[in-house]
Amino acid sequence: AAERFQVSPTMAKRWADRYRAEGPAGMVDRSSRPRRSPRRTPAPV
């Protein structure tokens, strides 16, 4: 499938796993923004 669609096997697995878990709704683009920032500058600084 990865060869046929010209993507890496890793990406093919990611999309297949999303499809199994979420169906067609899992194919939409997702934000690359981190959910949390543990190294953010402390509030006092």
All heavy atoms as atom14 arrays in JSON, in Angstrom:
{
  "sequence": "AAERFQVSPTMAKRWADRYRAEGPAGMVDRSSRPRRSPRRTPAPV",
  "atom14_mask": [
    [1, 1, 1, 1, 1, 0, 0, 0, 0, 0, 0, 0, 0, 0],
    [1, 1, 1, 1, 1, 0, 0, 0, 0, 0, 0, 0, 0, 0],
    [1, 1, 1, 1, 1, 1, 1, 1, 1, 0, 0, 0, 0, 0],
    [1, 1, 1, 1, 1, 1, 1, 1, 1, 1, 1, 0, 0, 0],
    [1, 1, 1, 1, 1, 1, 1, 1, 1, 1, 1, 0, 0, 0],
    [1, 1, 1, 1, 1, 1, 1, 1, 1, 0, 0, 0, 0, 0],
    [1, 1, 1, 1, 1, 1, 1, 0, 0, 0, 0, 0, 0, 0],
    [1, 1, 1, 1, 1, 1, 0, 0, 0, 0, 0, 0, 0, 0],
    [1, 1, 1, 1, 1, 1, 1, 0, 0, 0, 0, 0, 0, 0],
    [1, 1, 1, 1, 1, 1, 1, 0, 0, 0, 0, 0, 0, 0],
    [1, 1, 1, 1, 1, 1, 1, 1, 0, 0, 0, 0, 0, 0],
    [1, 1, 1, 1, 1, 0, 0, 0, 0, 0, 0, 0, 0, 0],
    [1, 1, 1, 1, 1, 1, 1, 1, 1, 0, 0, 0, 0, 0],
    [1, 1, 1, 1, 1, 1, 1, 1, 1, 1, 1, 0, 0, 0],
    [1, 1, 1, 1, 1, 1, 1, 1, 1, 1, 1, 1, 1, 1],
    [1, 1, 1, 1, 1, 0, 0, 0, 0, 0, 0, 0, 0, 0],
    [1, 1, 1, 1, 1, 1, 1, 1, 0, 0, 0, 0, 0, 0],
    [1, 1, 1, 1, 1, 1, 1, 1, 1, 1, 1, 0, 0, 0],
    [1, 1, 1, 1, 1, 1, 1, 1, 1, 1, 1, 1, 0, 0],
    [1, 1, 1, 1, 1, 1, 1, 1, 1, 1, 1, 0, 0, 0],
    [1, 1, 1, 1, 1, 0, 0, 0, 0, 0, 0, 0, 0, 0],
    [1, 1, 1, 1, 1, 1, 1, 1, 1, 0, 0, 0, 0, 0],
    [1, 1, 1, 1, 0, 0, 0, 0, 0, 0, 0, 0, 0, 0],
    [1, 1, 1, 1, 1, 1, 1, 0, 0, 0, 0, 0, 0, 0],
    [1, 1, 1, 1, 1, 0, 0, 0, 0, 0, 0, 0, 0, 0],
    [1, 1, 1, 1, 0, 0, 0, 0, 0, 0, 0, 0, 0, 0],
    [1, 1, 1, 1, 1, 1, 1, 1, 0, 0, 0, 0, 0, 0],
    [1, 1, 1, 1, 1, 1, 1, 0, 0, 0, 0, 0, 0, 0],
    [1, 1, 1, 1, 1, 1, 1, 1, 0, 0, 0, 0, 0, 0],
    [1, 1, 1, 1, 1, 1, 1, 1, 1, 1, 1, 0, 0, 0],
    [1, 1, 1, 1, 1, 1, 0, 0, 0, 0, 0, 0, 0, 0],
    [1, 1, 1, 1, 1, 1, 0, 0, 0, 0, 0, 0, 0, 0],
    [1, 1, 1, 1, 1, 1, 1, 1, 1, 1, 1, 0, 0, 0],
    [1, 1, 1, 1, 1, 1, 1, 0, 0, 0, 0, 0, 0, 0],
    [1, 1, 1, 1, 1, 1, 1, 1, 1, 1, 1, 0, 0, 0],
    [1, 1, 1, 1, 1, 1, 1, 1, 1, 1, 1, 0, 0, 0],
    [1, 1, 1, 1, 1, 1, 0, 0, 0, 0, 0, 0, 0, 0],
    [1, 1, 1, 1, 1, 1, 1, 0, 0, 0, 0, 0, 0, 0],
    [1, 1, 1, 1, 1, 1, 1, 1, 1, 1, 1, 0, 0, 0],
    [1, 1, 1, 1, 1, 1, 1, 1, 1, 1, 1, 0, 0, 0],
    [1, 1, 1, 1, 1, 1, 1, 0, 0, 0, 0, 0, 0, 0],
    [1, 1, 1, 1, 1, 1, 1, 0, 0, 0, 0, 0, 0, 0],
    [1, 1, 1, 1, 1, 0, 0, 0, 0, 0, 0, 0, 0, 0],
    [1, 1, 1, 1, 1, 1, 1, 0, 0, 0, 0, 0, 0, 0],
    [1, 1, 1, 1, 1, 1, 1, 0, 0, 0, 0, 0, 0, 0]
  ],
  "atom14_positions": [
    [[0.83, -1.2, 0.0], [0.0, 0.0, 0.0], [0.87, 1.26, 0.0], [0.58, 2.23, -0.7], [-0.92, -0.01, 1.2], [0.0, 0.0, 0.0], [0.0, 0.0, 0.0], [0.0, 0.0, 0.0], [0.0, 0.0, 0.0], [0.0, 0.0, 0.0], [0.0, 0.0, 0.0], [0.0, 0.0, 0.0], [0.0, 0.0, 0.0], [0.0, 0.0, 0.0]],
    [[1.94, 1.23, 0.77], [2.84, 2.39, 0.83], [3.47, 2.65, -0.53], [3.57, 3.8, -0.97], [3.92, 2.16, 1.88], [0.0, 0.0, 0.0], [0.0, 0.0, 0.0], [0.0, 0.0, 0.0], [0.0, 0.0, 0.0], [0.0, 0.0, 0.0], [0.0, 0.0, 0.0], [0.0, 0.0, 0.0], [0.0, 0.0, 0.0], [0.0, 0.0, 0.0]],
    [[3.9, 1.6, -1.22], [4.46, 1.76, -2.57], [3.42, 2.3, -3.52], [3.69, 3.2, -4.31], [4.97, 0.42, -3.09], [6.37, 0.08, -2.69], [6.84, -1.23, -3.3], [6.33, -1.62, -4.38], [7.69, -1.87, -2.69], [0.0, 0.0, 0.0], [0.0, 0.0, 0.0], [0.0, 0.0, 0.0], [0.0, 0.0, 0.0], [0.0, 0.0, 0.0]],
    [[2.24, 1.73, -3.47], [1.17, 2.13, -4.39], [0.81, 3.61, -4.22], [0.59, 4.32, -5.18], [-0.06, 1.25, -4.14], [-1.36, 1.73, -4.74], [-1.32, 1.72, -6.26], [-2.58, 2.1, -6.84], [-2.98, 3.36, -7.07], [-2.21, 4.35, -6.74], [-4.14, 3.61, -7.63], [0.0, 0.0, 0.0], [0.0, 0.0, 0.0], [0.0, 0.0, 0.0]],
    [[0.77, 4.1, -2.98], [0.38, 5.48, -2.72], [1.57, 6.41, -2.52], [1.4, 7.58, -2.17], [-0.56, 5.55, -1.51], [-1.92, 4.99, -1.8], [-2.2, 3.65, -1.6], [-2.92, 5.81, -2.31], [-3.46, 3.13, -1.88], [-4.17, 5.3, -2.59], [-4.45, 3.96, -2.38], [0.0, 0.0, 0.0], [0.0, 0.0, 0.0], [0.0, 0.0, 0.0]],
    [[2.76, 5.89, -2.72], [4.02, 6.65, -2.68], [4.22, 7.38, -1.36], [4.49, 8.57, -1.29], [4.09, 7.63, -3.85], [4.08, 6.94, -5.19], [4.09, 7.92, -6.34], [3.91, 9.12, -6.16], [4.34, 7.4, -7.53], [0.0, 0.0, 0.0], [0.0, 0.0, 0.0], [0.0, 0.0, 0.0], [0.0, 0.0, 0.0], [0.0, 0.0, 0.0]],
    [[4.07, 6.61, -0.27], [4.35, 7.12, 1.07], [5.19, 6.09, 1.79], [5.38, 4.97, 1.31], [3.06, 7.41, 1.87], [2.25, 8.52, 1.22], [2.23, 6.16, 2.04], [0.0, 0.0, 0.0], [0.0, 0.0, 0.0], [0.0, 0.0, 0.0], [0.0, 0.0, 0.0], [0.0, 0.0, 0.0], [0.0, 0.0, 0.0], [0.0, 0.0, 0.0]],
    [[5.71, 6.43, 2.95], [6.5, 5.49, 3.72], [5.59, 4.47, 4.39], [4.42, 4.76, 4.67], [7.33, 6.22, 4.78], [6.48, 6.72, 5.79], [0.0, 0.0, 0.0], [0.0, 0.0, 0.0], [0.0, 0.0, 0.0], [0.0, 0.0, 0.0], [0.0, 0.0, 0.0], [0.0, 0.0, 0.0], [0.0, 0.0, 0.0], [0.0, 0.0, 0.0]],
    [[6.1, 3.27, 4.69], [5.3, 2.29, 5.42], [4.84, 2.8, 6.79], [3.76, 2.45, 7.26], [6.24, 1.08, 5.57], [7.21, 1.22, 4.45], [7.38, 2.69, 4.23], [0.0, 0.0, 0.0], [0.0, 0.0, 0.0], [0.0, 0.0, 0.0], [0.0, 0.0, 0.0], [0.0, 0.0, 0.0], [0.0, 0.0, 0.0], [0.0, 0.0, 0.0]],
    [[5.64, 3.65, 7.41], [5.27, 4.23, 8.69], [3.99, 5.06, 8.55], [3.07, 4.97, 9.37], [6.41, 5.1, 9.25], [7.59, 4.32, 9.31], [6.08, 5.65, 10.62], [0.0, 0.0, 0.0], [0.0, 0.0, 0.0], [0.0, 0.0, 0.0], [0.0, 0.0, 0.0], [0.0, 0.0, 0.0], [0.0, 0.0, 0.0], [0.0, 0.0, 0.0]],
    [[3.94, 5.88, 7.5], [2.74, 6.69, 7.28], [1.55, 5.82, 6.92], [0.43, 6.07, 7.38], [2.98, 7.73, 6.17], [3.91, 8.85, 6.57], [3.44, 9.74, 8.08], [1.84, 10.35, 7.67], [0.0, 0.0, 0.0], [0.0, 0.0, 0.0], [0.0, 0.0, 0.0], [0.0, 0.0, 0.0], [0.0, 0.0, 0.0], [0.0, 0.0, 0.0]],
    [[1.78, 4.8, 6.14], [0.69, 3.9, 5.78], [0.11, 3.24, 7.04], [-1.11, 3.13, 7.19], [1.19, 2.83, 4.8], [0.0, 0.0, 0.0], [0.0, 0.0, 0.0], [0.0, 0.0, 0.0], [0.0, 0.0, 0.0], [0.0, 0.0, 0.0], [0.0, 0.0, 0.0], [0.0, 0.0, 0.0], [0.0, 0.0, 0.0], [0.0, 0.0, 0.0]],
    [[0.99, 2.82, 7.95], [0.52, 2.22, 9.21], [-0.25, 3.23, 10.06], [-1.3, 2.91, 10.62], [1.7, 1.66, 10.01], [1.27, 0.99, 11.32], [2.44, 0.42, 12.05], [2.13, -0.26, 13.35], [0.85, -0.04, 13.97], [0.0, 0.0, 0.0], [0.0, 0.0, 0.0], [0.0, 0.0, 0.0], [0.0, 0.0, 0.0], [0.0, 0.0, 0.0]],
    [[0.25, 4.47, 10.1], [-0.42, 5.5, 10.89], [-1.85, 5.73, 10.4], [-2.8, 5.77, 11.17], [0.37, 6.81, 10.82], [-0.31, 7.95, 11.57], [0.52, 9.21, 11.56], [1.77, 8.97, 12.26], [2.86, 9.69, 12.13], [2.85, 10.72, 11.3], [3.96, 9.41, 12.78], [0.0, 0.0, 0.0], [0.0, 0.0, 0.0], [0.0, 0.0, 0.0]],
    [[-2.01, 5.83, 9.07], [-3.34, 6.09, 8.53], [-4.25, 4.88, 8.68], [-5.45, 5.02, 8.94], [-3.25, 6.53, 7.08], [-2.6, 7.89, 6.95], [-2.58, 8.89, 7.86], [-1.85, 8.35, 5.84], [-1.88, 9.97, 7.39], [-1.42, 9.67, 6.14], [-1.49, 7.81, 4.62], [-0.68, 10.43, 5.27], [-0.77, 8.57, 3.74], [-0.35, 9.88, 4.08]],
    [[-3.68, 3.68, 8.54], [-4.49, 2.47, 8.73], [-4.95, 2.37, 10.19], [-6.12, 2.04, 10.45], [-3.69, 1.24, 8.32], [0.0, 0.0, 0.0], [0.0, 0.0, 0.0], [0.0, 0.0, 0.0], [0.0, 0.0, 0.0], [0.0, 0.0, 0.0], [0.0, 0.0, 0.0], [0.0, 0.0, 0.0], [0.0, 0.0, 0.0], [0.0, 0.0, 0.0]],
    [[-4.06, 2.65, 11.13], [-4.43, 2.61, 12.54], [-5.5, 3.65, 12.88], [-6.44, 3.38, 13.62], [-3.2, 2.83, 13.43], [-2.24, 1.65, 13.4], [-2.64, 0.56, 12.93], [-1.08, 1.83, 13.85], [0.0, 0.0, 0.0], [0.0, 0.0, 0.0], [0.0, 0.0, 0.0], [0.0, 0.0, 0.0], [0.0, 0.0, 0.0], [0.0, 0.0, 0.0]],
    [[-5.36, 4.85, 12.31], [-6.37, 5.88, 12.54], [-7.72, 5.45, 11.97], [-8.76, 5.68, 12.57], [-5.96, 7.21, 11.89], [-4.97, 8.0, 12.67], [-4.87, 9.38, 12.05], [-3.68, 10.08, 12.48], [-3.3, 11.25, 11.99], [-4.01, 11.82, 11.04], [-2.21, 11.83, 12.42], [0.0, 0.0, 0.0], [0.0, 0.0, 0.0], [0.0, 0.0, 0.0]],
    [[-7.7, 4.82, 10.82], [-8.94, 4.37, 10.18], [-9.61, 3.29, 11.03], [-10.83, 3.31, 11.21], [-8.65, 3.85, 8.77], [-9.86, 3.39, 8.02], [-10.82, 4.29, 7.57], [-10.06, 2.04, 7.77], [-11.94, 3.87, 6.89], [-11.18, 1.59, 7.08], [-12.12, 2.51, 6.64], [-13.22, 2.08, 5.96], [0.0, 0.0, 0.0], [0.0, 0.0, 0.0]],
    [[-8.8, 2.38, 11.57], [-9.36, 1.33, 12.44], [-10.01, 1.95, 13.69], [-11.06, 1.52, 14.13], [-8.26, 0.36, 12.88], [-7.87, -0.64, 11.85], [-6.86, -1.66, 12.43], [-6.27, -2.42, 11.35], [-5.05, -2.23, 10.86], [-4.26, -1.3, 11.37], [-4.61, -2.96, 9.86], [0.0, 0.0, 0.0], [0.0, 0.0, 0.0], [0.0, 0.0, 0.0]],
    [[-9.35, 2.95, 14.26], [-9.82, 3.55, 15.51], [-10.96, 4.56, 15.32], [-11.89, 4.6, 16.12], [-8.66, 4.24, 16.23], [0.0, 0.0, 0.0], [0.0, 0.0, 0.0], [0.0, 0.0, 0.0], [0.0, 0.0, 0.0], [0.0, 0.0, 0.0], [0.0, 0.0, 0.0], [0.0, 0.0, 0.0], [0.0, 0.0, 0.0], [0.0, 0.0, 0.0]],
    [[-10.87, 5.36, 14.25], [-11.81, 6.48, 14.11], [-12.65, 6.45, 12.85], [-13.54, 7.29, 12.68], [-11.04, 7.81, 14.16], [-10.21, 7.99, 15.41], [-9.32, 9.22, 15.33], [-9.73, 10.22, 14.7], [-8.22, 9.2, 15.9], [0.0, 0.0, 0.0], [0.0, 0.0, 0.0], [0.0, 0.0, 0.0], [0.0, 0.0, 0.0], [0.0, 0.0, 0.0]],
    [[-12.35, 5.54, 11.94], [-13.08, 5.52, 10.68], [-12.62, 6.65, 9.77], [-11.54, 7.2, 9.94], [0.0, 0.0, 0.0], [0.0, 0.0, 0.0], [0.0, 0.0, 0.0], [0.0, 0.0, 0.0], [0.0, 0.0, 0.0], [0.0, 0.0, 0.0], [0.0, 0.0, 0.0], [0.0, 0.0, 0.0], [0.0, 0.0, 0.0], [0.0, 0.0, 0.0]],
    [[-13.44, 7.03, 8.8], [-13.05, 8.09, 7.86], [-12.73, 9.42, 8.54], [-11.95, 10.21, 8.02], [-14.29, 8.23, 6.96], [-14.97, 6.91, 7.04], [-14.72, 6.41, 8.43], [0.0, 0.0, 0.0], [0.0, 0.0, 0.0], [0.0, 0.0, 0.0], [0.0, 0.0, 0.0], [0.0, 0.0, 0.0], [0.0, 0.0, 0.0], [0.0, 0.0, 0.0]],
    [[-13.3, 9.69, 9.7], [-13.02, 10.95, 10.41], [-11.56, 11.06, 10.84], [-11.06, 12.16, 11.06], [-13.93, 11.07, 11.63], [0.0, 0.0, 0.0], [0.0, 0.0, 0.0], [0.0, 0.0, 0.0], [0.0, 0.0, 0.0], [0.0, 0.0, 0.0], [0.0, 0.0, 0.0], [0.0, 0.0, 0.0], [0.0, 0.0, 0.0], [0.0, 0.0, 0.0]],
    [[-10.86, 9.94, 10.95], [-9.47, 9.95, 11.37], [-8.5, 10.38, 10.29], [-7.3, 10.52, 10.55], [0.0, 0.0, 0.0], [0.0, 0.0, 0.0], [0.0, 0.0, 0.0], [0.0, 0.0, 0.0], [0.0, 0.0, 0.0], [0.0, 0.0, 0.0], [0.0, 0.0, 0.0], [0.0, 0.0, 0.0], [0.0, 0.0, 0.0], [0.0, 0.0, 0.0]],
    [[-8.98, 10.61, 9.08], [-8.11, 10.97, 7.96], [-7.88, 12.47, 7.83], [-7.08, 12.91, 7.03], [-8.7, 10.45, 6.64], [-8.91, 8.95, 6.6], [-7.38, 8.0, 6.7], [-7.49, 7.38, 8.37], [0.0, 0.0, 0.0], [0.0, 0.0, 0.0], [0.0, 0.0, 0.0], [0.0, 0.0, 0.0], [0.0, 0.0, 0.0], [0.0, 0.0, 0.0]],
    [[-8.56, 13.28, 8.64], [-8.4, 14.73, 8.54], [-7.05, 15.17, 9.09], [-6.44, 14.48, 9.91], [-9.55, 15.48, 9.28], [-10.88, 15.16, 8.67], [-9.52, 15.16, 10.75], [0.0, 0.0, 0.0], [0.0, 0.0, 0.0], [0.0, 0.0, 0.0], [0.0, 0.0, 0.0], [0.0, 0.0, 0.0], [0.0, 0.0, 0.0], [0.0, 0.0, 0.0]],
    [[-6.58, 16.32, 8.62], [-5.32, 16.88, 9.11], [-5.47, 17.22, 10.59], [-6.52, 17.67, 11.04], [-4.96, 18.16, 8.35], [-4.53, 17.87, 6.93], [-3.97, 16.79, 6.68], [-4.75, 18.74, 6.07], [0.0, 0.0, 0.0], [0.0, 0.0, 0.0], [0.0, 0.0, 0.0], [0.0, 0.0, 0.0], [0.0, 0.0, 0.0], [0.0, 0.0, 0.0]],
    [[-4.4, 17.02, 11.32], [-4.38, 17.35, 12.74], [-3.32, 18.4, 13.01], [-2.33, 18.5, 12.3], [-4.07, 16.1, 13.58], [-5.17, 15.06, 13.48], [-4.89, 13.9, 14.38], [-6.0, 12.95, 14.32], [-6.0, 11.79, 14.92], [-4.95, 11.41, 15.64], [-7.03, 10.99, 14.83], [0.0, 0.0, 0.0], [0.0, 0.0, 0.0], [0.0, 0.0, 0.0]],
    [[-3.53, 19.14, 14.06], [-2.58, 20.18, 14.44], [-1.28, 19.54, 14.91], [-1.29, 18.51, 15.58], [-3.16, 21.03, 15.56], [-2.2, 21.92, 16.05], [0.0, 0.0, 0.0], [0.0, 0.0, 0.0], [0.0, 0.0, 0.0], [0.0, 0.0, 0.0], [0.0, 0.0, 0.0], [0.0, 0.0, 0.0], [0.0, 0.0, 0.0], [0.0, 0.0, 0.0]],
    [[-0.17, 20.18, 14.57], [1.12, 19.69, 15.04], [1.54, 20.37, 16.34], [2.62, 20.12, 16.86], [2.2, 19.92, 13.97], [2.3, 21.31, 13.7], [0.0, 0.0, 0.0], [0.0, 0.0, 0.0], [0.0, 0.0, 0.0], [0.0, 0.0, 0.0], [0.0, 0.0, 0.0], [0.0, 0.0, 0.0], [0.0, 0.0, 0.0], [0.0, 0.0, 0.0]],
    [[0.67, 21.23, 16.86], [0.96, 21.94, 18.1], [0.98, 20.95, 19.27], [0.1, 20.09, 19.38], [-0.12, 22.98, 18.34], [0.12, 23.83, 19.54], [-0.94, 24.89, 19.66], [-0.71, 25.68, 20.85], [-1.41, 26.72, 21.19], [-2.4, 27.12, 20.43], [-1.13, 27.38, 22.29], [0.0, 0.0, 0.0], [0.0, 0.0, 0.0], [0.0, 0.0, 0.0]],
    [[1.96, 21.06, 20.15], [2.0, 20.12, 21.28], [0.83, 20.34, 22.23], [0.33, 21.46, 22.37], [3.33, 20.45, 21.97], [3.7, 21.79, 21.5], [3.07, 21.99, 20.16], [0.0, 0.0, 0.0], [0.0, 0.0, 0.0], [0.0, 0.0, 0.0], [0.0, 0.0, 0.0], [0.0, 0.0, 0.0], [0.0, 0.0, 0.0], [0.0, 0.0, 0.0]],
    [[0.39, 19.27, 22.86], [-0.74, 19.37, 23.8], [-0.32, 20.09, 25.08], [-1.13, 20.71, 25.74], [-1.25, 17.97, 24.13], [-1.95, 17.33, 22.96], [-2.56, 15.99, 23.33], [-3.2, 15.39, 22.18], [-2.58, 14.61, 21.31], [-1.3, 14.34, 21.45], [-3.24, 14.1, 20.29], [0.0, 0.0, 0.0], [0.0, 0.0, 0.0], [0.0, 0.0, 0.0]],
    [[0.94, 19.98, 25.45], [1.44, 20.69, 26.62], [2.89, 21.08, 26.35], [3.53, 20.53, 25.46], [1.34, 19.83, 27.88], [2.11, 18.55, 27.82], [1.83, 17.67, 29.05], [2.83, 16.63, 29.16], [3.97, 16.74, 29.83], [4.25, 17.84, 30.48], [4.84, 15.75, 29.87], [0.0, 0.0, 0.0], [0.0, 0.0, 0.0], [0.0, 0.0, 0.0]],
    [[3.39, 22.03, 27.11], [4.76, 22.54, 26.94], [5.49, 22.48, 28.27], [5.52, 23.46, 29.03], [4.73, 23.98, 26.42], [4.09, 24.06, 25.19], [0.0, 0.0, 0.0], [0.0, 0.0, 0.0], [0.0, 0.0, 0.0], [0.0, 0.0, 0.0], [0.0, 0.0, 0.0], [0.0, 0.0, 0.0], [0.0, 0.0, 0.0], [0.0, 0.0, 0.0]],
    [[6.1, 21.33, 28.59], [6.75, 21.21, 29.89], [7.97, 22.12, 30.05], [8.37, 22.41, 31.17], [7.15, 19.74, 29.95], [7.23, 19.31, 28.54], [6.22, 20.12, 27.79], [0.0, 0.0, 0.0], [0.0, 0.0, 0.0], [0.0, 0.0, 0.0], [0.0, 0.0, 0.0], [0.0, 0.0, 0.0], [0.0, 0.0, 0.0], [0.0, 0.0, 0.0]],
    [[8.54, 22.59, 28.95], [9.74, 23.44, 29.05], [9.41, 24.92, 28.84], [10.3, 25.71, 28.59], [10.76, 22.98, 28.03], [11.29, 21.58, 28.34], [12.31, 21.16, 27.33], [13.35, 22.17, 27.21], [14.63, 21.99, 27.48], [15.03, 20.82, 27.87], [15.5, 22.95, 27.33], [0.0, 0.0, 0.0], [0.0, 0.0, 0.0], [0.0, 0.0, 0.0]],
    [[8.15, 25.29, 28.94], [7.77, 26.69, 28.78], [8.41, 27.52, 29.89], [8.62, 27.05, 31.01], [6.26, 26.82, 28.83], [5.81, 28.25, 28.58], [4.33, 28.36, 28.47], [3.96, 29.76, 28.47], [2.79, 30.2, 28.09], [1.88, 29.36, 27.69], [2.51, 31.47, 28.12], [0.0, 0.0, 0.0], [0.0, 0.0, 0.0], [0.0, 0.0, 0.0]],
    [[8.7, 28.76, 29.57], [9.32, 29.66, 30.54], [8.43, 29.78, 31.78], [7.23, 30.02, 31.66], [9.49, 31.05, 29.9], [10.18, 30.9, 28.65], [10.28, 31.97, 30.8], [0.0, 0.0, 0.0], [0.0, 0.0, 0.0], [0.0, 0.0, 0.0], [0.0, 0.0, 0.0], [0.0, 0.0, 0.0], [0.0, 0.0, 0.0], [0.0, 0.0, 0.0]],
    [[9.01, 29.63, 32.97], [8.21, 29.72, 34.2], [7.54, 31.09, 34.33], [8.09, 32.12, 33.9], [9.23, 29.52, 35.32], [10.39, 28.84, 34.67], [10.4, 29.29, 33.24], [0.0, 0.0, 0.0], [0.0, 0.0, 0.0], [0.0, 0.0, 0.0], [0.0, 0.0, 0.0], [0.0, 0.0, 0.0], [0.0, 0.0, 0.0], [0.0, 0.0, 0.0]],
    [[6.37, 31.1, 34.95], [5.59, 32.33, 35.09], [6.35, 33.46, 35.79], [6.25, 34.62, 35.36], [4.28, 32.03, 35.82], [0.0, 0.0, 0.0], [0.0, 0.0, 0.0], [0.0, 0.0, 0.0], [0.0, 0.0, 0.0], [0.0, 0.0, 0.0], [0.0, 0.0, 0.0], [0.0, 0.0, 0.0], [0.0, 0.0, 0.0], [0.0, 0.0, 0.0]],
    [[7.14, 33.18, 36.86], [7.88, 34.29, 37.5], [8.87, 34.95, 36.55], [9.05, 36.17, 36.57], [8.6, 33.62, 38.67], [7.82, 32.38, 38.96], [7.26, 31.94, 37.64], [0.0, 0.0, 0.0], [0.0, 0.0, 0.0], [0.0, 0.0, 0.0], [0.0, 0.0, 0.0], [0.0, 0.0, 0.0], [0.0, 0.0, 0.0], [0.0, 0.0, 0.0]],
    [[9.51, 34.16, 35.69], [10.48, 34.72, 34.73], [9.72, 35.55, 33.69], [10.15, 36.65, 33.32], [11.3, 33.6, 34.05], [12.19, 34.17, 32.97], [12.14, 32.86, 35.09], [0.0, 0.0, 0.0], [0.0, 0.0, 0.0], [0.0, 0.0, 0.0], [0.0, 0.0, 0.0], [0.0, 0.0, 0.0], [0.0, 0.0, 0.0], [0.0, 0.0, 0.0]]
  ]
}
